[in-house]
Amino acid sequence: MSVRVALLDDDDRFRGRLSRRLSYYDEIEVVAEANGVDAFFNVLAKLPEPPDVALLDVELPRGSGMEAAARLASEYPDVGALMLTVFEDPQKIFEAIRAGASGYLLKDAEAEDIVEAVLEVRAGGAPLSRGVARRILTLVKEAPAPRTDDDPPPPDLSPREIELLQQIVLGHTEAAIAERLGISPHTVRTHVKNIYKKLQVHSRAAAVRVTLERGLLDT
């Protein structure tokens, strides 16, 4: 069964070109397109069923992709939000993740990379382009989140869990994490399950959001 995709981008030429490129892949079915946030949600409301993944432009003349991601998280929690943008600004990346985005790619990504990212989001992953991943780490290490007296105590993560959490923030799949750390995929899944429990989250996107908001990788 193909993954149902909705596109939000104010650049009609780019959106049309992206729709045509995605149509060549049997795994993808573009079911909705819009050039503004309100129009996007009006289109979604008319669909017989919601899309699986939404590709959202960050910068729009009216509203933003972050606003759309936040509304999706509230109104369509099962729809994965994948940001497509020309920006690698760490603050925009942080805002997108806080808004509920599941992944963050640059617009110049190859079609096959976008398709792979869509499939990964559908499977519960959190894809990031290589350049964006580097900037995520920069954001985490150089711009730690300020702590307040109201913050909960930091979770008691083991050194191995911290290592796994960094890989999750970078958007690597379980298979890639297993290969990078020289452990089995089953061991990765066990660690991830424990990390989610300690962070009190149920998804990769939520784990990344909590990690950045609470500065859990600050060293």
N, C-alpha and C. Protein backbone atom coordinates (compact mmCIF):
# COMPACT_ATOMS: atom_id res chain seq x y z
N MET A 1 0.84 -1.19 0.00
CA MET A 1 0.00 0.00 0.00
C MET A 1 0.88 1.25 0.00
N SER A 2 0.57 2.21 -0.86
CA SER A 2 1.38 3.41 -0.97
C SER A 2 1.14 4.34 0.21
N VAL A 3 2.13 5.21 0.45
CA VAL A 3 2.04 6.21 1.52
C VAL A 3 1.36 7.45 0.96
N ARG A 4 0.31 7.89 1.63
CA ARG A 4 -0.45 9.06 1.19
C ARG A 4 0.26 10.33 1.67
N VAL A 5 0.55 11.23 0.74
CA VAL A 5 1.36 12.42 1.04
C VAL A 5 0.58 13.69 0.68
N ALA A 6 0.69 14.71 1.55
CA ALA A 6 0.12 16.03 1.29
C ALA A 6 1.25 17.05 1.21
N LEU A 7 1.14 18.01 0.30
CA LEU A 7 2.19 19.00 0.08
C LEU A 7 1.69 20.40 0.44
N LEU A 8 2.49 21.12 1.22
CA LEU A 8 2.22 22.52 1.53
C LEU A 8 3.43 23.35 1.15
N ASP A 9 3.28 24.17 0.10
CA ASP A 9 4.37 25.04 -0.34
C ASP A 9 3.76 26.17 -1.17
N ASP A 10 4.18 27.40 -0.91
CA ASP A 10 3.62 28.54 -1.63
C ASP A 10 4.22 28.72 -3.01
N ASP A 11 5.32 28.05 -3.30
CA ASP A 11 5.95 28.12 -4.61
C ASP A 11 5.28 27.09 -5.52
N ASP A 12 4.36 27.56 -6.37
CA ASP A 12 3.58 26.64 -7.19
C ASP A 12 4.46 25.81 -8.11
N ARG A 13 5.51 26.42 -8.64
CA ARG A 13 6.40 25.66 -9.53
C ARG A 13 7.12 24.55 -8.80
N PHE A 14 7.67 24.89 -7.62
CA PHE A 14 8.38 23.86 -6.86
C PHE A 14 7.42 22.76 -6.43
N ARG A 15 6.24 23.16 -5.94
CA ARG A 15 5.27 22.16 -5.47
C ARG A 15 4.84 21.24 -6.61
N GLY A 16 4.57 21.83 -7.78
CA GLY A 16 4.18 21.01 -8.92
C GLY A 16 5.29 20.08 -9.37
N ARG A 17 6.51 20.60 -9.37
CA ARG A 17 7.66 19.77 -9.76
C ARG A 17 7.85 18.63 -8.77
N LEU A 18 7.73 18.93 -7.48
CA LEU A 18 7.89 17.89 -6.45
C LEU A 18 6.80 16.84 -6.58
N SER A 19 5.56 17.29 -6.82
CA SER A 19 4.45 16.34 -6.98
C SER A 19 4.71 15.41 -8.15
N ARG A 20 5.18 15.95 -9.26
CA ARG A 20 5.45 15.12 -10.43
C ARG A 20 6.60 14.15 -10.15
N ARG A 21 7.63 14.62 -9.47
CA ARG A 21 8.77 13.74 -9.16
C ARG A 21 8.34 12.59 -8.26
N LEU A 22 7.49 12.90 -7.28
CA LEU A 22 7.05 11.85 -6.35
C LEU A 22 6.10 10.86 -7.04
N SER A 23 5.39 11.33 -8.07
CA SER A 23 4.43 10.46 -8.74
C SER A 23 5.09 9.30 -9.48
N TYR A 24 6.40 9.41 -9.72
CA TYR A 24 7.11 8.33 -10.39
C TYR A 24 7.36 7.13 -9.47
N TYR A 25 7.14 7.32 -8.18
CA TYR A 25 7.42 6.26 -7.21
C TYR A 25 6.12 5.57 -6.79
N ASP A 26 6.09 4.25 -6.97
CA ASP A 26 4.89 3.49 -6.63
C ASP A 26 4.56 3.56 -5.14
N GLU A 27 5.59 3.82 -4.32
CA GLU A 27 5.37 3.83 -2.87
C GLU A 27 4.65 5.08 -2.40
N ILE A 28 4.53 6.09 -3.27
CA ILE A 28 4.00 7.40 -2.87
C ILE A 28 2.74 7.73 -3.66
N GLU A 29 1.74 8.29 -2.97
CA GLU A 29 0.55 8.83 -3.62
C GLU A 29 0.30 10.23 -3.07
N VAL A 30 0.44 11.24 -3.93
CA VAL A 30 0.17 12.61 -3.51
C VAL A 30 -1.35 12.83 -3.53
N VAL A 31 -1.94 13.09 -2.37
CA VAL A 31 -3.40 13.17 -2.25
C VAL A 31 -3.90 14.59 -2.01
N ALA A 32 -2.99 15.55 -1.74
CA ALA A 32 -3.42 16.91 -1.47
C ALA A 32 -2.27 17.88 -1.69
N GLU A 33 -2.62 19.07 -2.16
CA GLU A 33 -1.64 20.14 -2.34
C GLU A 33 -2.28 21.47 -1.96
N ALA A 34 -1.48 22.39 -1.40
CA ALA A 34 -1.98 23.72 -1.06
C ALA A 34 -0.81 24.68 -0.96
N ASN A 35 -1.11 26.00 -1.06
CA ASN A 35 -0.05 27.00 -1.00
C ASN A 35 -0.12 27.86 0.25
N GLY A 36 -1.02 27.53 1.18
CA GLY A 36 -1.14 28.27 2.43
C GLY A 36 -1.68 27.39 3.53
N VAL A 37 -1.46 27.78 4.78
CA VAL A 37 -1.84 26.93 5.91
C VAL A 37 -3.35 26.70 5.95
N ASP A 38 -4.14 27.76 5.89
CA ASP A 38 -5.60 27.59 5.96
C ASP A 38 -6.12 26.75 4.80
N ALA A 39 -5.61 27.03 3.59
CA ALA A 39 -6.03 26.26 2.43
C ALA A 39 -5.64 24.79 2.59
N PHE A 40 -4.48 24.55 3.18
CA PHE A 40 -4.00 23.19 3.40
C PHE A 40 -4.97 22.41 4.27
N PHE A 41 -5.38 23.01 5.37
CA PHE A 41 -6.28 22.29 6.28
C PHE A 41 -7.70 22.20 5.73
N ASN A 42 -8.09 23.14 4.89
CA ASN A 42 -9.38 23.01 4.22
C ASN A 42 -9.38 21.82 3.28
N VAL A 43 -8.25 21.63 2.58
CA VAL A 43 -8.12 20.49 1.68
C VAL A 43 -8.13 19.18 2.47
N LEU A 44 -7.38 19.15 3.58
CA LEU A 44 -7.33 17.93 4.39
C LEU A 44 -8.71 17.55 4.90
N ALA A 45 -9.50 18.55 5.27
CA ALA A 45 -10.83 18.27 5.82
C ALA A 45 -11.75 17.61 4.80
N LYS A 46 -11.46 17.80 3.51
CA LYS A 46 -12.31 17.24 2.46
C LYS A 46 -11.86 15.85 2.01
N LEU A 47 -10.71 15.41 2.47
CA LEU A 47 -10.21 14.08 2.09
C LEU A 47 -11.02 12.99 2.78
N PRO A 48 -11.21 11.85 2.11
CA PRO A 48 -11.93 10.74 2.77
C PRO A 48 -11.17 10.18 3.96
N GLU A 49 -9.85 10.32 3.94
CA GLU A 49 -9.02 9.93 5.08
C GLU A 49 -7.76 10.79 5.07
N PRO A 50 -7.18 11.05 6.25
CA PRO A 50 -6.01 11.94 6.31
C PRO A 50 -4.81 11.33 5.59
N PRO A 51 -3.87 12.16 5.18
CA PRO A 51 -2.63 11.63 4.59
C PRO A 51 -1.80 10.95 5.68
N ASP A 52 -0.79 10.22 5.25
CA ASP A 52 0.12 9.59 6.21
C ASP A 52 1.24 10.55 6.60
N VAL A 53 1.71 11.32 5.61
CA VAL A 53 2.83 12.23 5.82
C VAL A 53 2.55 13.55 5.10
N ALA A 54 2.90 14.66 5.75
CA ALA A 54 2.78 15.97 5.13
C ALA A 54 4.17 16.56 4.92
N LEU A 55 4.44 17.06 3.71
CA LEU A 55 5.68 17.75 3.41
C LEU A 55 5.38 19.25 3.50
N LEU A 56 6.03 19.93 4.43
CA LEU A 56 5.69 21.31 4.77
C LEU A 56 6.85 22.26 4.51
N ASP A 57 6.59 23.33 3.76
CA ASP A 57 7.59 24.39 3.59
C ASP A 57 7.65 25.20 4.88
N VAL A 58 8.85 25.58 5.29
CA VAL A 58 9.00 26.33 6.54
C VAL A 58 8.49 27.75 6.39
N GLU A 59 8.93 28.46 5.35
CA GLU A 59 8.58 29.87 5.17
C GLU A 59 7.41 30.02 4.20
N LEU A 60 6.33 30.64 4.68
CA LEU A 60 5.15 30.89 3.85
C LEU A 60 4.74 32.35 4.01
N PRO A 61 4.11 32.93 2.99
CA PRO A 61 3.70 34.33 3.12
C PRO A 61 2.62 34.54 4.18
N ARG A 62 1.79 33.53 4.39
CA ARG A 62 0.74 33.61 5.42
C ARG A 62 0.85 32.37 6.29
N GLY A 63 1.30 32.55 7.51
CA GLY A 63 1.53 31.41 8.38
C GLY A 63 2.91 30.83 8.14
N SER A 64 3.13 29.62 8.63
CA SER A 64 4.43 28.98 8.44
C SER A 64 4.26 27.47 8.53
N GLY A 65 5.30 26.77 8.07
CA GLY A 65 5.28 25.32 8.19
C GLY A 65 5.26 24.87 9.64
N MET A 66 5.88 25.66 10.53
CA MET A 66 5.85 25.32 11.95
C MET A 66 4.43 25.37 12.50
N GLU A 67 3.69 26.40 12.07
CA GLU A 67 2.29 26.50 12.48
C GLU A 67 1.50 25.30 11.98
N ALA A 68 1.75 24.92 10.73
CA ALA A 68 1.05 23.76 10.16
C ALA A 68 1.41 22.48 10.91
N ALA A 69 2.69 22.33 11.26
CA ALA A 69 3.13 21.14 12.00
C ALA A 69 2.44 21.06 13.36
N ALA A 70 2.34 22.21 14.03
CA ALA A 70 1.68 22.24 15.34
C ALA A 70 0.20 21.89 15.22
N ARG A 71 -0.46 22.41 14.18
CA ARG A 71 -1.88 22.09 13.97
C ARG A 71 -2.06 20.62 13.62
N LEU A 72 -1.15 20.09 12.83
CA LEU A 72 -1.22 18.66 12.51
C LEU A 72 -1.11 17.82 13.77
N ALA A 73 -0.16 18.18 14.65
CA ALA A 73 0.04 17.42 15.89
C ALA A 73 -1.22 17.46 16.75
N SER A 74 -1.97 18.56 16.67
CA SER A 74 -3.18 18.70 17.47
C SER A 74 -4.41 18.07 16.81
N GLU A 75 -4.57 18.32 15.50
CA GLU A 75 -5.79 17.90 14.81
C GLU A 75 -5.65 16.56 14.09
N TYR A 76 -4.45 16.23 13.67
CA TYR A 76 -4.18 14.98 12.95
C TYR A 76 -2.92 14.34 13.53
N PRO A 77 -2.97 13.85 14.76
CA PRO A 77 -1.76 13.37 15.44
C PRO A 77 -1.08 12.18 14.75
N ASP A 78 -1.80 11.48 13.90
CA ASP A 78 -1.20 10.32 13.22
C ASP A 78 -0.50 10.70 11.92
N VAL A 79 -0.56 11.97 11.53
CA VAL A 79 0.09 12.42 10.30
C VAL A 79 1.51 12.90 10.62
N GLY A 80 2.49 12.31 9.98
CA GLY A 80 3.88 12.72 10.19
C GLY A 80 4.17 14.00 9.44
N ALA A 81 4.89 14.92 10.08
CA ALA A 81 5.23 16.20 9.46
C ALA A 81 6.70 16.22 9.09
N LEU A 82 6.99 16.40 7.82
CA LEU A 82 8.36 16.44 7.33
C LEU A 82 8.61 17.82 6.72
N MET A 83 9.52 18.57 7.33
CA MET A 83 9.80 19.92 6.87
C MET A 83 10.73 19.90 5.67
N LEU A 84 10.39 20.67 4.63
CA LEU A 84 11.24 20.84 3.46
C LEU A 84 11.56 22.33 3.34
N THR A 85 12.83 22.68 3.35
CA THR A 85 13.19 24.08 3.41
C THR A 85 14.55 24.35 2.79
N VAL A 86 14.82 25.62 2.51
CA VAL A 86 16.15 26.02 2.05
C VAL A 86 17.00 26.44 3.23
N PHE A 87 16.43 26.46 4.44
CA PHE A 87 17.14 26.96 5.61
C PHE A 87 17.83 25.84 6.38
N GLU A 88 19.03 26.14 6.88
CA GLU A 88 19.71 25.24 7.81
C GLU A 88 19.91 25.95 9.15
N ASP A 89 19.14 27.00 9.39
CA ASP A 89 19.25 27.78 10.62
C ASP A 89 18.90 26.91 11.83
N PRO A 90 19.84 26.74 12.78
CA PRO A 90 19.55 25.89 13.94
C PRO A 90 18.30 26.29 14.71
N GLN A 91 18.03 27.60 14.80
CA GLN A 91 16.84 28.04 15.53
C GLN A 91 15.56 27.59 14.84
N LYS A 92 15.56 27.63 13.50
CA LYS A 92 14.38 27.17 12.77
C LYS A 92 14.21 25.66 12.91
N ILE A 93 15.33 24.95 12.94
CA ILE A 93 15.27 23.50 13.15
C ILE A 93 14.64 23.21 14.51
N PHE A 94 15.11 23.94 15.53
CA PHE A 94 14.60 23.75 16.89
C PHE A 94 13.11 24.06 16.94
N GLU A 95 12.70 25.16 16.30
CA GLU A 95 11.29 25.55 16.30
C GLU A 95 10.44 24.48 15.62
N ALA A 96 10.96 23.92 14.52
CA ALA A 96 10.22 22.90 13.79
C ALA A 96 10.03 21.65 14.64
N ILE A 97 11.08 21.23 15.33
CA ILE A 97 11.00 20.05 16.17
C ILE A 97 10.05 20.28 17.34
N ARG A 98 10.12 21.47 17.94
CA ARG A 98 9.22 21.79 19.04
C ARG A 98 7.77 21.82 18.57
N ALA A 99 7.56 22.21 17.31
CA ALA A 99 6.21 22.26 16.77
C ALA A 99 5.64 20.88 16.49
N GLY A 100 6.50 19.87 16.50
CA GLY A 100 6.02 18.50 16.28
C GLY A 100 6.50 17.87 15.00
N ALA A 101 7.45 18.50 14.31
CA ALA A 101 7.96 17.93 13.06
C ALA A 101 8.70 16.63 13.32
N SER A 102 8.50 15.66 12.43
CA SER A 102 9.17 14.36 12.56
C SER A 102 10.50 14.32 11.84
N GLY A 103 10.73 15.25 10.91
CA GLY A 103 11.98 15.26 10.17
C GLY A 103 12.19 16.59 9.51
N TYR A 104 13.40 16.82 8.98
CA TYR A 104 13.78 18.12 8.47
C TYR A 104 14.78 17.92 7.34
N LEU A 105 14.36 18.22 6.10
CA LEU A 105 15.21 18.03 4.94
C LEU A 105 15.34 19.34 4.17
N LEU A 106 16.39 19.46 3.38
CA LEU A 106 16.57 20.63 2.54
C LEU A 106 15.89 20.40 1.19
N LYS A 107 15.42 21.50 0.58
CA LYS A 107 14.65 21.40 -0.65
C LYS A 107 15.47 20.86 -1.82
N ASP A 108 16.79 20.97 -1.73
CA ASP A 108 17.61 20.48 -2.84
C ASP A 108 17.90 18.98 -2.74
N ALA A 109 17.23 18.31 -1.81
CA ALA A 109 17.42 16.86 -1.67
C ALA A 109 16.93 16.15 -2.93
N GLU A 110 17.59 15.05 -3.26
CA GLU A 110 17.17 14.25 -4.41
C GLU A 110 15.80 13.63 -4.13
N ALA A 111 15.05 13.36 -5.20
CA ALA A 111 13.71 12.80 -5.05
C ALA A 111 13.73 11.49 -4.26
N GLU A 112 14.72 10.64 -4.56
CA GLU A 112 14.78 9.36 -3.86
C GLU A 112 15.05 9.54 -2.37
N ASP A 113 15.79 10.61 -2.01
CA ASP A 113 16.04 10.89 -0.60
C ASP A 113 14.77 11.36 0.09
N ILE A 114 13.97 12.15 -0.61
CA ILE A 114 12.70 12.60 -0.04
C ILE A 114 11.75 11.42 0.14
N VAL A 115 11.71 10.54 -0.86
CA VAL A 115 10.86 9.35 -0.76
C VAL A 115 11.31 8.49 0.41
N GLU A 116 12.61 8.29 0.54
CA GLU A 116 13.14 7.49 1.65
C GLU A 116 12.76 8.12 2.98
N ALA A 117 12.83 9.46 3.07
CA ALA A 117 12.47 10.16 4.30
C ALA A 117 10.99 10.00 4.60
N VAL A 118 10.15 10.10 3.57
CA VAL A 118 8.70 9.92 3.76
C VAL A 118 8.41 8.53 4.32
N LEU A 119 9.05 7.52 3.74
CA LEU A 119 8.83 6.15 4.21
C LEU A 119 9.34 5.98 5.64
N GLU A 120 10.44 6.66 5.96
CA GLU A 120 10.99 6.57 7.31
C GLU A 120 10.06 7.23 8.33
N VAL A 121 9.51 8.40 7.96
CA VAL A 121 8.55 9.06 8.85
C VAL A 121 7.33 8.17 9.07
N ARG A 122 6.85 7.57 7.99
CA ARG A 122 5.68 6.68 8.09
C ARG A 122 5.97 5.51 9.02
N ALA A 123 7.24 5.07 9.05
CA ALA A 123 7.63 3.94 9.91
C ALA A 123 7.99 4.38 11.32
N GLY A 124 7.86 5.68 11.60
CA GLY A 124 8.15 6.17 12.95
C GLY A 124 9.52 6.76 13.13
N GLY A 125 10.26 6.95 12.04
CA GLY A 125 11.60 7.50 12.14
C GLY A 125 11.61 9.01 12.16
N ALA A 126 12.83 9.57 12.23
CA ALA A 126 12.99 11.03 12.27
C ALA A 126 14.13 11.43 11.36
N PRO A 127 13.90 11.43 10.04
CA PRO A 127 15.00 11.69 9.10
C PRO A 127 15.48 13.14 9.13
N LEU A 128 16.78 13.30 9.00
CA LEU A 128 17.39 14.61 8.90
C LEU A 128 18.45 14.57 7.81
N SER A 129 18.55 15.63 7.01
CA SER A 129 19.63 15.67 6.04
C SER A 129 20.96 15.77 6.79
N ARG A 130 22.04 15.41 6.11
CA ARG A 130 23.35 15.38 6.76
C ARG A 130 23.73 16.75 7.33
N GLY A 131 23.50 17.80 6.51
CA GLY A 131 23.83 19.15 6.97
C GLY A 131 22.99 19.57 8.16
N VAL A 132 21.71 19.22 8.12
CA VAL A 132 20.82 19.56 9.23
C VAL A 132 21.24 18.82 10.49
N ALA A 133 21.63 17.56 10.36
CA ALA A 133 22.06 16.78 11.52
C ALA A 133 23.25 17.43 12.21
N ARG A 134 24.19 17.91 11.41
CA ARG A 134 25.36 18.58 12.01
C ARG A 134 24.92 19.82 12.78
N ARG A 135 23.98 20.56 12.23
CA ARG A 135 23.53 21.77 12.89
C ARG A 135 22.71 21.46 14.15
N ILE A 136 22.03 20.33 14.15
CA ILE A 136 21.31 19.91 15.36
C ILE A 136 22.30 19.74 16.51
N LEU A 137 23.41 19.06 16.24
CA LEU A 137 24.41 18.87 17.29
C LEU A 137 25.00 20.20 17.73
N THR A 138 25.21 21.11 16.78
CA THR A 138 25.70 22.44 17.13
C THR A 138 24.72 23.13 18.06
N LEU A 139 23.44 23.03 17.73
CA LEU A 139 22.40 23.65 18.55
C LEU A 139 22.41 23.06 19.96
N VAL A 140 22.52 21.75 20.05
CA VAL A 140 22.48 21.09 21.35
C VAL A 140 23.68 21.47 22.21
N LYS A 141 24.87 21.53 21.60
CA LYS A 141 26.09 21.73 22.37
C LYS A 141 26.41 23.19 22.64
N GLU A 142 26.02 24.08 21.70
CA GLU A 142 26.41 25.48 21.84
C GLU A 142 25.27 26.37 22.35
N ALA A 143 24.05 25.88 22.29
CA ALA A 143 22.92 26.68 22.77
C ALA A 143 22.07 25.87 23.73
N PRO A 144 22.62 25.50 24.89
CA PRO A 144 21.88 24.68 25.84
C PRO A 144 20.61 25.38 26.32
N ALA A 145 19.59 24.59 26.53
CA ALA A 145 18.33 25.13 27.01
C ALA A 145 18.47 25.61 28.45
N PRO A 146 17.98 26.83 28.76
CA PRO A 146 18.06 27.32 30.13
C PRO A 146 17.18 26.50 31.06
N ARG A 147 17.68 26.21 32.23
CA ARG A 147 16.92 25.43 33.20
C ARG A 147 16.30 26.37 34.22
N THR A 148 15.14 25.96 34.74
CA THR A 148 14.45 26.72 35.79
C THR A 148 14.16 25.79 36.95
N ASP A 149 13.74 26.39 38.06
CA ASP A 149 13.42 25.60 39.24
C ASP A 149 12.22 24.69 39.01
N ASP A 150 11.40 25.01 38.01
CA ASP A 150 10.21 24.20 37.74
C ASP A 150 10.50 23.00 36.86
N ASP A 151 11.70 22.95 36.29
CA ASP A 151 12.04 21.82 35.42
C ASP A 151 12.12 20.53 36.22
N PRO A 152 11.65 19.41 35.64
CA PRO A 152 11.82 18.14 36.33
C PRO A 152 13.29 17.76 36.37
N PRO A 153 13.68 16.92 37.33
CA PRO A 153 15.09 16.52 37.38
C PRO A 153 15.47 15.77 36.11
N PRO A 154 16.73 15.89 35.68
CA PRO A 154 17.14 15.19 34.45
C PRO A 154 17.00 13.69 34.62
N PRO A 155 16.60 12.98 33.57
CA PRO A 155 16.44 11.53 33.68
C PRO A 155 17.78 10.86 33.93
N ASP A 156 17.74 9.76 34.61
CA ASP A 156 18.95 9.02 34.96
C ASP A 156 19.35 8.12 33.79
N LEU A 157 19.93 8.73 32.76
CA LEU A 157 20.34 7.99 31.58
C LEU A 157 21.76 7.48 31.74
N SER A 158 21.97 6.24 31.35
CA SER A 158 23.31 5.66 31.40
C SER A 158 24.15 6.23 30.27
N PRO A 159 25.50 6.10 30.35
CA PRO A 159 26.34 6.57 29.25
C PRO A 159 25.95 5.97 27.90
N ARG A 160 25.59 4.70 27.88
CA ARG A 160 25.18 4.06 26.63
C ARG A 160 23.86 4.64 26.14
N GLU A 161 22.94 4.94 27.04
CA GLU A 161 21.67 5.54 26.65
C GLU A 161 21.87 6.96 26.11
N ILE A 162 22.81 7.70 26.70
CA ILE A 162 23.15 9.02 26.18
C ILE A 162 23.67 8.91 24.76
N GLU A 163 24.51 7.90 24.54
CA GLU A 163 25.08 7.66 23.22
C GLU A 163 23.96 7.33 22.22
N LEU A 164 23.02 6.49 22.64
CA LEU A 164 21.88 6.14 21.79
C LEU A 164 21.01 7.35 21.52
N LEU A 165 20.80 8.16 22.56
CA LEU A 165 19.95 9.34 22.42
C LEU A 165 20.52 10.31 21.39
N GLN A 166 21.85 10.45 21.38
CA GLN A 166 22.48 11.32 20.39
C GLN A 166 22.21 10.81 18.98
N GLN A 167 22.27 9.51 18.80
CA GLN A 167 21.98 8.92 17.49
C GLN A 167 20.52 9.14 17.09
N ILE A 168 19.62 9.08 18.06
CA ILE A 168 18.20 9.34 17.80
C ILE A 168 18.01 10.78 17.36
N VAL A 169 18.67 11.72 18.05
CA VAL A 169 18.57 13.14 17.70
C VAL A 169 19.06 13.37 16.28
N LEU A 170 20.08 12.63 15.87
CA LEU A 170 20.63 12.77 14.52
C LEU A 170 19.75 12.10 13.46
N GLY A 171 18.69 11.41 13.91
CA GLY A 171 17.75 10.84 12.96
C GLY A 171 18.11 9.50 12.39
N HIS A 172 19.10 8.81 12.97
CA HIS A 172 19.51 7.51 12.44
C HIS A 172 18.47 6.44 12.75
N THR A 173 18.33 5.50 11.84
CA THR A 173 17.42 4.38 12.06
C THR A 173 18.02 3.41 13.07
N GLU A 174 17.19 2.50 13.55
CA GLU A 174 17.69 1.50 14.50
C GLU A 174 18.80 0.66 13.88
N ALA A 175 18.62 0.31 12.61
CA ALA A 175 19.65 -0.50 11.93
C ALA A 175 20.97 0.28 11.83
N ALA A 176 20.88 1.57 11.51
CA ALA A 176 22.08 2.39 11.39
C ALA A 176 22.75 2.56 12.75
N ILE A 177 21.95 2.74 13.79
CA ILE A 177 22.51 2.88 15.15
C ILE A 177 23.23 1.61 15.55
N ALA A 178 22.61 0.47 15.26
CA ALA A 178 23.23 -0.81 15.59
C ALA A 178 24.58 -0.95 14.91
N GLU A 179 24.65 -0.58 13.64
CA GLU A 179 25.90 -0.69 12.89
C GLU A 179 26.95 0.28 13.43
N ARG A 180 26.52 1.52 13.73
CA ARG A 180 27.45 2.53 14.21
C ARG A 180 28.04 2.17 15.57
N LEU A 181 27.22 1.58 16.43
CA LEU A 181 27.66 1.29 17.80
C LEU A 181 28.12 -0.15 17.99
N GLY A 182 28.01 -0.96 16.93
CA GLY A 182 28.48 -2.33 17.02
C GLY A 182 27.66 -3.20 17.95
N ILE A 183 26.34 -2.97 17.96
CA ILE A 183 25.44 -3.79 18.79
C ILE A 183 24.32 -4.29 17.91
N SER A 184 23.51 -5.21 18.42
CA SER A 184 22.44 -5.79 17.62
C SER A 184 21.24 -4.86 17.58
N PRO A 185 20.41 -4.94 16.52
CA PRO A 185 19.19 -4.15 16.47
C PRO A 185 18.27 -4.41 17.66
N HIS A 186 18.26 -5.65 18.15
CA HIS A 186 17.44 -5.98 19.32
C HIS A 186 17.92 -5.19 20.54
N THR A 187 19.25 -5.09 20.71
CA THR A 187 19.79 -4.31 21.83
C THR A 187 19.44 -2.83 21.69
N VAL A 188 19.49 -2.33 20.44
CA VAL A 188 19.10 -0.94 20.20
C VAL A 188 17.66 -0.71 20.62
N ARG A 189 16.77 -1.62 20.20
CA ARG A 189 15.35 -1.46 20.53
C ARG A 189 15.14 -1.48 22.04
N THR A 190 15.90 -2.32 22.74
CA THR A 190 15.78 -2.38 24.20
C THR A 190 16.20 -1.05 24.83
N HIS A 191 17.32 -0.51 24.36
CA HIS A 191 17.79 0.78 24.87
C HIS A 191 16.79 1.90 24.56
N VAL A 192 16.27 1.90 23.34
CA VAL A 192 15.32 2.93 22.94
C VAL A 192 14.07 2.87 23.82
N LYS A 193 13.60 1.66 24.08
CA LYS A 193 12.43 1.49 24.93
C LYS A 193 12.69 2.06 26.32
N ASN A 194 13.88 1.81 26.86
CA ASN A 194 14.24 2.33 28.19
C ASN A 194 14.36 3.86 28.17
N ILE A 195 14.93 4.39 27.09
CA ILE A 195 15.07 5.84 26.96
C ILE A 195 13.70 6.50 26.93
N TYR A 196 12.80 5.95 26.12
CA TYR A 196 11.44 6.50 26.04
C TYR A 196 10.78 6.50 27.42
N LYS A 197 10.96 5.42 28.15
CA LYS A 197 10.35 5.31 29.48
C LYS A 197 10.90 6.38 30.41
N LYS A 198 12.22 6.59 30.37
CA LYS A 198 12.83 7.58 31.25
C LYS A 198 12.47 9.00 30.86
N LEU A 199 12.29 9.24 29.56
CA LEU A 199 11.92 10.58 29.09
C LEU A 199 10.41 10.80 29.14
N GLN A 200 9.67 9.70 29.38
CA GLN A 200 8.21 9.74 29.41
C GLN A 200 7.65 10.20 28.06
N VAL A 201 8.14 9.57 27.00
CA VAL A 201 7.67 9.85 25.64
C VAL A 201 7.33 8.54 24.96
N HIS A 202 6.71 8.65 23.77
CA HIS A 202 6.30 7.44 23.06
C HIS A 202 6.71 7.46 21.59
N SER A 203 7.55 8.41 21.19
CA SER A 203 7.97 8.48 19.80
C SER A 203 9.34 9.12 19.69
N ARG A 204 9.97 8.92 18.52
CA ARG A 204 11.28 9.52 18.28
C ARG A 204 11.19 11.05 18.26
N ALA A 205 10.14 11.57 17.59
CA ALA A 205 9.99 13.02 17.51
C ALA A 205 9.87 13.63 18.89
N ALA A 206 9.09 12.98 19.75
CA ALA A 206 8.93 13.49 21.12
C ALA A 206 10.23 13.39 21.90
N ALA A 207 10.99 12.32 21.67
CA ALA A 207 12.27 12.17 22.36
C ALA A 207 13.24 13.27 21.94
N VAL A 208 13.28 13.59 20.65
CA VAL A 208 14.15 14.66 20.16
C VAL A 208 13.71 16.00 20.76
N ARG A 209 12.41 16.24 20.78
CA ARG A 209 11.90 17.51 21.30
C ARG A 209 12.27 17.69 22.77
N VAL A 210 12.06 16.65 23.58
CA VAL A 210 12.39 16.71 25.00
C VAL A 210 13.90 16.90 25.19
N THR A 211 14.68 16.20 24.39
CA THR A 211 16.14 16.31 24.49
C THR A 211 16.61 17.73 24.26
N LEU A 212 16.09 18.38 23.21
CA LEU A 212 16.50 19.74 22.91
C LEU A 212 15.97 20.74 23.92
N GLU A 213 14.71 20.58 24.30
CA GLU A 213 14.11 21.53 25.23
C GLU A 213 14.78 21.49 26.60
N ARG A 214 15.23 20.31 27.02
CA ARG A 214 15.82 20.18 28.35
C ARG A 214 17.35 20.09 28.32
N GLY A 215 17.93 20.20 27.13
CA GLY A 215 19.39 20.20 27.04
C GLY A 215 20.02 18.95 27.56
N LEU A 216 19.46 17.79 27.25
CA LEU A 216 19.92 16.54 27.84
C LEU A 216 21.25 16.05 27.30
N LEU A 217 21.70 16.61 26.16
CA LEU A 217 22.99 16.20 25.61
C LEU A 217 24.07 17.22 25.85
N ASP A 218 23.78 18.26 26.62
CA ASP A 218 24.78 19.28 26.92
C ASP A 218 25.93 18.65 27.69
N THR A 219 27.16 18.92 27.24
CA THR A 219 28.32 18.37 27.92
C THR A 219 29.32 19.45 28.22
